[in-house]
């Protein structure tokens, strides 16, 4: 990532953890657009909520590819246990 080319970020989850991550990323010049899947009322203020559940891994991968997402951060444990990390390789 560079300041000249900020990366769009997808944050997976809908809780306070994801809101805190988005809030922290909001202060970085390295971050472009922030998407939250599915997000919550607080994350909607920080970026754009996307109607994709945290465990809908195939849809999340497709969204990331279609929207040129440079970084995906997974908050909840359930998608990690289901192998989301392997799908984003």
PDB file of N, CA and C in Angstrom:
ATOM      1  N   UNK A   1       0.832  -1.175   0.000  1.00  0.00           N
ATOM      2  CA  UNK A   1       0.000   0.000   0.000  1.00  0.00           C
ATOM      3  C   UNK A   1       0.877   1.237   0.000  1.00  0.00           C
ATOM      4  N   UNK A   2       0.393   2.265  -0.693  1.00  0.00           N
ATOM      5  CA  UNK A   2       1.095   3.535  -0.673  1.00  0.00           C
ATOM      6  C   UNK A   2       0.090   4.671  -0.581  1.00  0.00           C
ATOM      7  N   UNK A   3       0.563   5.818  -0.147  1.00  0.00           N
ATOM      8  CA  UNK A   3      -0.317   6.981  -0.027  1.00  0.00           C
ATOM      9  C   UNK A   3      -0.828   7.414  -1.384  1.00  0.00           C
ATOM     10  N   UNK A   4      -0.045   7.169  -2.443  1.00  0.00           N
ATOM     11  CA  UNK A   4      -0.457   7.534  -3.792  1.00  0.00           C
ATOM     12  C   UNK A   4      -1.520   6.588  -4.326  1.00  0.00           C
ATOM     13  N   UNK A   5      -1.588   5.394  -3.765  1.00  0.00           N
ATOM     14  CA  UNK A   5      -2.515   4.374  -4.247  1.00  0.00           C
ATOM     15  C   UNK A   5      -3.194   3.694  -3.065  1.00  0.00           C
ATOM     16  N   UNK A   6      -4.109   4.400  -2.393  1.00  0.00           N
ATOM     17  CA  UNK A   6      -4.763   3.782  -1.224  1.00  0.00           C
ATOM     18  C   UNK A   6      -5.568   2.557  -1.627  1.00  0.00           C
ATOM     19  N   UNK A   7      -5.591   1.567  -0.751  1.00  0.00           N
ATOM     20  CA  UNK A   7      -6.282   0.307  -1.012  1.00  0.00           C
ATOM     21  C   UNK A   7      -7.672   0.316  -0.383  1.00  0.00           C
ATOM     22  N   UNK A   8      -8.640  -0.200  -1.127  1.00  0.00           N
ATOM     23  CA  UNK A   8      -9.974  -0.387  -0.570  1.00  0.00           C
ATOM     24  C   UNK A   8      -9.946  -1.617   0.328  1.00  0.00           C
ATOM     25  N   UNK A   9     -10.731  -1.562   1.409  1.00  0.00           N
ATOM     26  CA  UNK A   9     -10.690  -2.594   2.441  1.00  0.00           C
ATOM     27  C   UNK A   9     -12.086  -3.169   2.659  1.00  0.00           C
ATOM     28  N   UNK A  10     -12.148  -4.484   2.811  1.00  0.00           N
ATOM     29  CA  UNK A  10     -13.368  -5.187   3.182  1.00  0.00           C
ATOM     30  C   UNK A  10     -13.190  -5.709   4.598  1.00  0.00           C
ATOM     31  N   UNK A  11     -14.086  -5.301   5.489  1.00  0.00           N
ATOM     32  CA  UNK A  11     -14.063  -5.785   6.874  1.00  0.00           C
ATOM     33  C   UNK A  11     -15.270  -6.693   7.056  1.00  0.00           C
ATOM     34  N   UNK A  12     -15.008  -7.940   7.373  1.00  0.00           N
ATOM     35  CA  UNK A  12     -16.061  -8.952   7.504  1.00  0.00           C
ATOM     36  C   UNK A  12     -16.525  -9.019   8.953  1.00  0.00           C
ATOM     37  N   UNK A  13     -17.830  -8.863   9.160  1.00  0.00           N
ATOM     38  CA  UNK A  13     -18.418  -8.969  10.483  1.00  0.00           C
ATOM     39  C   UNK A  13     -19.409  -7.851  10.741  1.00  0.00           C
ATOM     40  N   UNK A  14     -20.069  -7.927  11.889  1.00  0.00           N
ATOM     41  CA  UNK A  14     -21.135  -6.963  12.169  1.00  0.00           C
ATOM     42  C   UNK A  14     -21.136  -6.465  13.618  1.00  0.00           C
ATOM     43  N   UNK A  15     -20.044  -6.617  14.309  1.00  0.00           N
ATOM     44  CA  UNK A  15     -20.026  -6.253  15.726  1.00  0.00           C
ATOM     45  C   UNK A  15     -19.178  -5.044  16.038  1.00  0.00           C
ATOM     46  N   UNK A  16     -18.980  -4.846  17.311  1.00  0.00           N
ATOM     47  CA  UNK A  16     -18.167  -3.740  17.786  1.00  0.00           C
ATOM     48  C   UNK A  16     -16.716  -3.855  17.362  1.00  0.00           C
ATOM     49  N   UNK A  17     -16.222  -5.068  17.262  1.00  0.00           N
ATOM     50  CA  UNK A  17     -14.832  -5.292  16.835  1.00  0.00           C
ATOM     51  C   UNK A  17     -14.618  -4.720  15.430  1.00  0.00           C
ATOM     52  N   UNK A  18     -15.567  -4.995  14.547  1.00  0.00           N
ATOM     53  CA  UNK A  18     -15.453  -4.527  13.173  1.00  0.00           C
ATOM     54  C   UNK A  18     -15.586  -3.001  13.103  1.00  0.00           C
ATOM     55  N   UNK A  19     -16.456  -2.447  13.938  1.00  0.00           N
ATOM     56  CA  UNK A  19     -16.583  -0.994  13.996  1.00  0.00           C
ATOM     57  C   UNK A  19     -15.260  -0.371  14.456  1.00  0.00           C
ATOM     58  N   UNK A  20     -14.651  -0.937  15.486  1.00  0.00           N
ATOM     59  CA  UNK A  20     -13.379  -0.413  15.996  1.00  0.00           C
ATOM     60  C   UNK A  20     -12.280  -0.501  14.934  1.00  0.00           C
ATOM     61  N   UNK A  21     -12.236  -1.602  14.207  1.00  0.00           N
ATOM     62  CA  UNK A  21     -11.252  -1.736  13.131  1.00  0.00           C
ATOM     63  C   UNK A  21     -11.468  -0.667  12.061  1.00  0.00           C
ATOM     64  N   UNK A  22     -12.705  -0.483  11.661  1.00  0.00           N
ATOM     65  CA  UNK A  22     -13.017   0.529  10.654  1.00  0.00           C
ATOM     66  C   UNK A  22     -12.694   1.928  11.125  1.00  0.00           C
ATOM     67  N   UNK A  23     -12.975   2.202  12.378  1.00  0.00           N
ATOM     68  CA  UNK A  23     -12.682   3.521  12.948  1.00  0.00           C
ATOM     69  C   UNK A  23     -11.175   3.785  12.926  1.00  0.00           C
ATOM     70  N   UNK A  24     -10.400   2.803  13.306  1.00  0.00           N
ATOM     71  CA  UNK A  24      -8.942   2.956  13.309  1.00  0.00           C
ATOM     72  C   UNK A  24      -8.408   3.149  11.883  1.00  0.00           C
ATOM     73  N   UNK A  25      -8.941   2.389  10.942  1.00  0.00           N
ATOM     74  CA  UNK A  25      -8.494   2.510   9.554  1.00  0.00           C
ATOM     75  C   UNK A  25      -8.878   3.842   8.930  1.00  0.00           C
ATOM     76  N   UNK A  26      -9.934   4.472   9.460  1.00  0.00           N
ATOM     77  CA  UNK A  26     -10.388   5.752   8.915  1.00  0.00           C
ATOM     78  C   UNK A  26      -9.320   6.830   9.002  1.00  0.00           C
ATOM     79  N   UNK A  27      -8.388   6.694   9.922  1.00  0.00           N
ATOM     80  CA  UNK A  27      -7.335   7.685  10.093  1.00  0.00           C
ATOM     81  C   UNK A  27      -6.132   7.479   9.201  1.00  0.00           C
ATOM     82  N   UNK A  28      -6.166   6.471   8.339  1.00  0.00           N
ATOM     83  CA  UNK A  28      -4.999   6.145   7.527  1.00  0.00           C
ATOM     84  C   UNK A  28      -5.140   6.641   6.088  1.00  0.00           C
ATOM     85  N   UNK A  29      -4.117   7.313   5.603  1.00  0.00           N
ATOM     86  CA  UNK A  29      -4.082   7.738   4.207  1.00  0.00           C
ATOM     87  C   UNK A  29      -3.849   6.560   3.267  1.00  0.00           C
ATOM     88  N   UNK A  30      -3.488   5.410   3.818  1.00  0.00           N
ATOM     89  CA  UNK A  30      -3.246   4.217   3.005  1.00  0.00           C
ATOM     90  C   UNK A  30      -4.536   3.483   2.642  1.00  0.00           C
ATOM     91  N   UNK A  31      -5.647   3.872   3.292  1.00  0.00           N
ATOM     92  CA  UNK A  31      -6.923   3.183   3.108  1.00  0.00           C
ATOM     93  C   UNK A  31      -7.851   4.036   2.269  1.00  0.00           C
ATOM     94  N   UNK A  32      -8.413   3.408   1.234  1.00  0.00           N
ATOM     95  CA  UNK A  32      -9.404   4.075   0.397  1.00  0.00           C
ATOM     96  C   UNK A  32     -10.796   3.837   0.963  1.00  0.00           C
ATOM     97  N   UNK A  33     -11.656   3.241   0.164  1.00  0.00           N
ATOM     98  CA  UNK A  33     -13.019   2.951   0.598  1.00  0.00           C
ATOM     99  C   UNK A  33     -13.019   1.804   1.600  1.00  0.00           C
ATOM    100  N   UNK A  34     -13.963   1.862   2.524  1.00  0.00           N
ATOM    101  CA  UNK A  34     -14.134   0.790   3.503  1.00  0.00           C
ATOM    102  C   UNK A  34     -15.508   0.172   3.310  1.00  0.00           C
ATOM    103  N   UNK A  35     -15.527  -1.143   3.163  1.00  0.00           N
ATOM    104  CA  UNK A  35     -16.761  -1.906   3.037  1.00  0.00           C
ATOM    105  C   UNK A  35     -16.871  -2.828   4.241  1.00  0.00           C
ATOM    106  N   UNK A  36     -18.089  -2.989   4.746  1.00  0.00           N
ATOM    107  CA  UNK A  36     -18.356  -3.864   5.888  1.00  0.00           C
ATOM    108  C   UNK A  36     -19.403  -4.883   5.469  1.00  0.00           C
ATOM    109  N   UNK A  37     -19.121  -6.164   5.698  1.00  0.00           N
ATOM    110  CA  UNK A  37     -20.061  -7.223   5.324  1.00  0.00           C
ATOM    111  C   UNK A  37     -20.366  -8.087   6.535  1.00  0.00           C
ATOM    112  N   UNK A  38     -21.538  -8.056   7.106  1.00  0.00           N
ATOM    113  CA  UNK A  38     -22.639  -7.196   6.686  1.00  0.00           C
ATOM    114  C   UNK A  38     -22.634  -5.816   7.331  1.00  0.00           C
ATOM    115  N   UNK A  39     -21.834  -5.612   8.357  1.00  0.00           N
ATOM    116  CA  UNK A  39     -21.779  -4.314   9.008  1.00  0.00           C
ATOM    117  C   UNK A  39     -22.920  -4.097   9.986  1.00  0.00           C
ATOM    118  N   UNK A  40     -23.016  -2.880  10.506  1.00  0.00           N
ATOM    119  CA  UNK A  40     -24.068  -2.502  11.448  1.00  0.00           C
ATOM    120  C   UNK A  40     -24.313  -1.000  11.327  1.00  0.00           C
ATOM    121  N   UNK A  41     -25.183  -0.456  12.170  1.00  0.00           N
ATOM    122  CA  UNK A  41     -25.510   0.973  12.073  1.00  0.00           C
ATOM    123  C   UNK A  41     -24.276   1.851  12.276  1.00  0.00           C
ATOM    124  N   UNK A  42     -23.367   1.455  13.134  1.00  0.00           N
ATOM    125  CA  UNK A  42     -22.158   2.234  13.369  1.00  0.00           C
ATOM    126  C   UNK A  42     -21.185   2.181  12.210  1.00  0.00           C
ATOM    127  N   UNK A  43     -21.053   1.019  11.575  1.00  0.00           N
ATOM    128  CA  UNK A  43     -20.120   0.904  10.456  1.00  0.00           C
ATOM    129  C   UNK A  43     -20.623   1.652   9.234  1.00  0.00           C
ATOM    130  N   UNK A  44     -21.933   1.813   9.109  1.00  0.00           N
ATOM    131  CA  UNK A  44     -22.506   2.549   7.981  1.00  0.00           C
ATOM    132  C   UNK A  44     -22.008   3.989   7.965  1.00  0.00           C
ATOM    133  N   UNK A  45     -21.689   4.528   9.114  1.00  0.00           N
ATOM    134  CA  UNK A  45     -21.167   5.890   9.214  1.00  0.00           C
ATOM    135  C   UNK A  45     -19.729   5.952   8.688  1.00  0.00           C
ATOM    136  N   UNK A  46     -18.996   4.856   8.820  1.00  0.00           N
ATOM    137  CA  UNK A  46     -17.578   4.826   8.460  1.00  0.00           C
ATOM    138  C   UNK A  46     -17.317   4.435   7.017  1.00  0.00           C
ATOM    139  N   UNK A  47     -18.242   3.719   6.424  1.00  0.00           N
ATOM    140  CA  UNK A  47     -18.049   3.220   5.066  1.00  0.00           C
ATOM    141  C   UNK A  47     -19.370   2.736   4.512  1.00  0.00           C
ATOM    142  N   UNK A  48     -19.313   1.692   3.708  1.00  0.00           N
ATOM    143  CA  UNK A  48     -20.521   1.154   3.091  1.00  0.00           C
ATOM    144  C   UNK A  48     -20.766  -0.266   3.579  1.00  0.00           C
ATOM    145  N   UNK A  49     -21.963  -0.497   4.091  1.00  0.00           N
ATOM    146  CA  UNK A  49     -22.358  -1.852   4.466  1.00  0.00           C
ATOM    147  C   UNK A  49     -22.782  -2.609   3.219  1.00  0.00           C
ATOM    148  N   UNK A  50     -22.430  -3.891   3.180  1.00  0.00           N
ATOM    149  CA  UNK A  50     -22.748  -4.759   2.061  1.00  0.00           C
ATOM    150  C   UNK A  50     -23.584  -5.913   2.597  1.00  0.00           C
ATOM    151  N   UNK A  51     -24.677  -6.212   1.947  1.00  0.00           N
ATOM    152  CA  UNK A  51     -25.603  -7.241   2.431  1.00  0.00           C
ATOM    153  C   UNK A  51     -25.103  -8.646   2.108  1.00  0.00           C
ATOM    154  N   UNK A  52     -23.970  -8.990   2.690  1.00  0.00           N
ATOM    155  CA  UNK A  52     -23.400 -10.330   2.558  1.00  0.00           C
ATOM    156  C   UNK A  52     -23.024 -10.784   3.966  1.00  0.00           C
ATOM    157  N   UNK A  53     -23.506 -11.942   4.363  1.00  0.00           N
ATOM    158  CA  UNK A  53     -23.212 -12.462   5.691  1.00  0.00           C
ATOM    159  C   UNK A  53     -21.754 -12.852   5.844  1.00  0.00           C
ATOM    160  N   UNK A  54     -21.287 -12.825   7.062  1.00  0.00           N
ATOM    161  CA  UNK A  54     -19.884 -13.125   7.356  1.00  0.00           C
ATOM    162  C   UNK A  54     -19.494 -14.555   7.000  1.00  0.00           C
ATOM    163  N   UNK A  55     -20.459 -15.463   6.920  1.00  0.00           N
ATOM    164  CA  UNK A  55     -20.149 -16.852   6.598  1.00  0.00           C
ATOM    165  C   UNK A  55     -20.463 -17.210   5.145  1.00  0.00           C
ATOM    166  N   UNK A  56     -20.843 -16.233   4.342  1.00  0.00           N
ATOM    167  CA  UNK A  56     -21.100 -16.445   2.913  1.00  0.00           C
ATOM    168  C   UNK A  56     -19.792 -16.239   2.150  1.00  0.00           C
ATOM    169  N   UNK A  57     -18.894 -17.152   2.348  1.00  0.00           N
ATOM    170  CA  UNK A  57     -17.512 -16.993   1.891  1.00  0.00           C
ATOM    171  C   UNK A  57     -17.411 -16.814   0.381  1.00  0.00           C
ATOM    172  N   UNK A  58     -18.110 -17.615  -0.395  1.00  0.00           N
ATOM    173  CA  UNK A  58     -18.028 -17.490  -1.857  1.00  0.00           C
ATOM    174  C   UNK A  58     -18.485 -16.113  -2.323  1.00  0.00           C
ATOM    175  N   UNK A  59     -19.534 -15.600  -1.720  1.00  0.00           N
ATOM    176  CA  UNK A  59     -20.024 -14.254  -2.083  1.00  0.00           C
ATOM    177  C   UNK A  59     -19.044 -13.171  -1.665  1.00  0.00           C
ATOM    178  N   UNK A  60     -18.402 -13.342  -0.527  1.00  0.00           N
ATOM    179  CA  UNK A  60     -17.405 -12.370  -0.079  1.00  0.00           C
ATOM    180  C   UNK A  60     -16.208 -12.339  -1.028  1.00  0.00           C
ATOM    181  N   UNK A  61     -15.759 -13.504  -1.452  1.00  0.00           N
ATOM    182  CA  UNK A  61     -14.642 -13.583  -2.394  1.00  0.00           C
ATOM    183  C   UNK A  61     -15.018 -12.910  -3.714  1.00  0.00           C
ATOM    184  N   UNK A  62     -16.223 -13.169  -4.181  1.00  0.00           N
ATOM    185  CA  UNK A  62     -16.695 -12.559  -5.429  1.00  0.00           C
ATOM    186  C   UNK A  62     -16.775 -11.033  -5.292  1.00  0.00           C
ATOM    187  N   UNK A  63     -17.319 -10.559  -4.177  1.00  0.00           N
ATOM    188  CA  UNK A  63     -17.405  -9.117  -3.952  1.00  0.00           C
ATOM    189  C   UNK A  63     -16.015  -8.487  -3.942  1.00  0.00           C
ATOM    190  N   UNK A  64     -15.080  -9.117  -3.259  1.00  0.00           N
ATOM    191  CA  UNK A  64     -13.721  -8.590  -3.179  1.00  0.00           C
ATOM    192  C   UNK A  64     -13.084  -8.500  -4.562  1.00  0.00           C
ATOM    193  N   UNK A  65     -13.276  -9.522  -5.364  1.00  0.00           N
ATOM    194  CA  UNK A  65     -12.709  -9.515  -6.711  1.00  0.00           C
ATOM    195  C   UNK A  65     -13.377  -8.450  -7.585  1.00  0.00           C
ATOM    196  N   UNK A  66     -14.691  -8.354  -7.517  1.00  0.00           N
ATOM    197  CA  UNK A  66     -15.441  -7.399  -8.340  1.00  0.00           C
ATOM    198  C   UNK A  66     -15.157  -5.946  -7.969  1.00  0.00           C
ATOM    199  N   UNK A  67     -14.772  -5.702  -6.726  1.00  0.00           N
ATOM    200  CA  UNK A  67     -14.576  -4.340  -6.236  1.00  0.00           C
ATOM    201  C   UNK A  67     -13.111  -3.981  -5.984  1.00  0.00           C
ATOM    202  N   UNK A  68     -12.203  -4.805  -6.493  1.00  0.00           N
ATOM    203  CA  UNK A  68     -10.770  -4.537  -6.396  1.00  0.00           C
ATOM    204  C   UNK A  68     -10.328  -4.262  -4.954  1.00  0.00           C
ATOM    205  N   UNK A  69     -10.767  -5.119  -4.042  1.00  0.00           N
ATOM    206  CA  UNK A  69     -10.421  -4.986  -2.636  1.00  0.00           C
ATOM    207  C   UNK A  69      -8.955  -5.376  -2.443  1.00  0.00           C
ATOM    208  N   UNK A  70      -8.197  -4.497  -1.814  1.00  0.00           N
ATOM    209  CA  UNK A  70      -6.778  -4.760  -1.602  1.00  0.00           C
ATOM    210  C   UNK A  70      -6.471  -5.472  -0.303  1.00  0.00           C
ATOM    211  N   UNK A  71      -7.394  -5.392   0.660  1.00  0.00           N
ATOM    212  CA  UNK A  71      -7.178  -6.004   1.968  1.00  0.00           C
ATOM    213  C   UNK A  71      -8.521  -6.421   2.537  1.00  0.00           C
ATOM    214  N   UNK A  72      -8.587  -7.643   3.038  1.00  0.00           N
ATOM    215  CA  UNK A  72      -9.786  -8.132   3.719  1.00  0.00           C
ATOM    216  C   UNK A  72      -9.403  -8.471   5.148  1.00  0.00           C
ATOM    217  N   UNK A  73     -10.200  -7.959   6.090  1.00  0.00           N
ATOM    218  CA  UNK A  73      -9.986  -8.227   7.506  1.00  0.00           C
ATOM    219  C   UNK A  73     -11.213  -8.977   8.018  1.00  0.00           C
ATOM    220  N   UNK A  74     -10.986 -10.105   8.650  1.00  0.00           N
ATOM    221  CA  UNK A  74     -12.086 -10.933   9.161  1.00  0.00           C
ATOM    222  C   UNK A  74     -12.141 -10.788  10.672  1.00  0.00           C
ATOM    223  N   UNK A  75     -13.276 -10.313  11.180  1.00  0.00           N
ATOM    224  CA  UNK A  75     -13.450 -10.120  12.613  1.00  0.00           C
ATOM    225  C   UNK A  75     -13.913 -11.366  13.343  1.00  0.00           C
ATOM    226  N   UNK A  76     -15.034 -11.966  12.936  1.00  0.00           N
ATOM    227  CA  UNK A  76     -15.569 -13.097  13.691  1.00  0.00           C
ATOM    228  C   UNK A  76     -14.768 -14.390  13.482  1.00  0.00           C
ATOM    229  N   UNK A  77     -14.845 -15.257  14.455  1.00  0.00           N
ATOM    230  CA  UNK A  77     -14.109 -16.518  14.397  1.00  0.00           C
ATOM    231  C   UNK A  77     -14.751 -17.538  13.448  1.00  0.00           C
ATOM    232  N   UNK A  78     -16.074 -17.519  13.335  1.00  0.00           N
ATOM    233  CA  UNK A  78     -16.771 -18.551  12.544  1.00  0.00           C
ATOM    234  C   UNK A  78     -16.291 -18.623  11.092  1.00  0.00           C
ATOM    235  N   UNK A  79     -16.180 -17.512  10.365  1.00  0.00           N
ATOM    236  CA  UNK A  79     -15.674 -17.632   8.993  1.00  0.00           C
ATOM    237  C   UNK A  79     -14.229 -18.103   8.934  1.00  0.00           C
ATOM    238  N   UNK A  80     -13.446 -17.750   9.939  1.00  0.00           N
ATOM    239  CA  UNK A  80     -12.065 -18.239   9.981  1.00  0.00           C
ATOM    240  C   UNK A  80     -12.040 -19.752  10.149  1.00  0.00           C
ATOM    241  N   UNK A  81     -12.912 -20.267  11.018  1.00  0.00           N
ATOM    242  CA  UNK A  81     -12.994 -21.714  11.241  1.00  0.00           C
ATOM    243  C   UNK A  81     -13.472 -22.440   9.980  1.00  0.00           C
ATOM    244  N   UNK A  82     -14.266 -21.747   9.151  1.00  0.00           N
ATOM    245  CA  UNK A  82     -14.780 -22.351   7.915  1.00  0.00           C
ATOM    246  C   UNK A  82     -13.790 -22.228   6.759  1.00  0.00           C
ATOM    247  N   UNK A  83     -12.627 -21.625   6.992  1.00  0.00           N
ATOM    248  CA  UNK A  83     -11.589 -21.586   5.973  1.00  0.00           C
ATOM    249  C   UNK A  83     -11.598 -20.373   5.061  1.00  0.00           C
ATOM    250  N   UNK A  84     -12.155 -19.258   5.522  1.00  0.00           N
ATOM    251  CA  UNK A  84     -12.216 -18.072   4.663  1.00  0.00           C
ATOM    252  C   UNK A  84     -10.830 -17.644   4.199  1.00  0.00           C
ATOM    253  N   UNK A  85      -9.842 -17.815   5.033  1.00  0.00           N
ATOM    254  CA  UNK A  85      -8.491 -17.398   4.677  1.00  0.00           C
ATOM    255  C   UNK A  85      -8.005 -18.120   3.423  1.00  0.00           C
ATOM    256  N   UNK A  86      -8.309 -19.400   3.299  1.00  0.00           N
ATOM    257  CA  UNK A  86      -7.875 -20.179   2.146  1.00  0.00           C
ATOM    258  C   UNK A  86      -8.555 -19.717   0.863  1.00  0.00           C
ATOM    259  N   UNK A  87      -9.768 -19.198   0.959  1.00  0.00           N
ATOM    260  CA  UNK A  87     -10.499 -18.754  -0.222  1.00  0.00           C
ATOM    261  C   UNK A  87      -9.972 -17.422  -0.767  1.00  0.00           C
ATOM    262  N   UNK A  88      -9.301 -16.662   0.056  1.00  0.00           N
ATOM    263  CA  UNK A  88      -8.799 -15.363  -0.368  1.00  0.00           C
ATOM    264  C   UNK A  88      -7.361 -15.422  -0.869  1.00  0.00           C
ATOM    265  N   UNK A  89      -6.795 -16.591  -0.996  1.00  0.00           N
ATOM    266  CA  UNK A  89      -5.429 -16.720  -1.551  1.00  0.00           C
ATOM    267  C   UNK A  89      -5.402 -16.370  -3.006  1.00  0.00           C
TER     268      UNK A  89
END
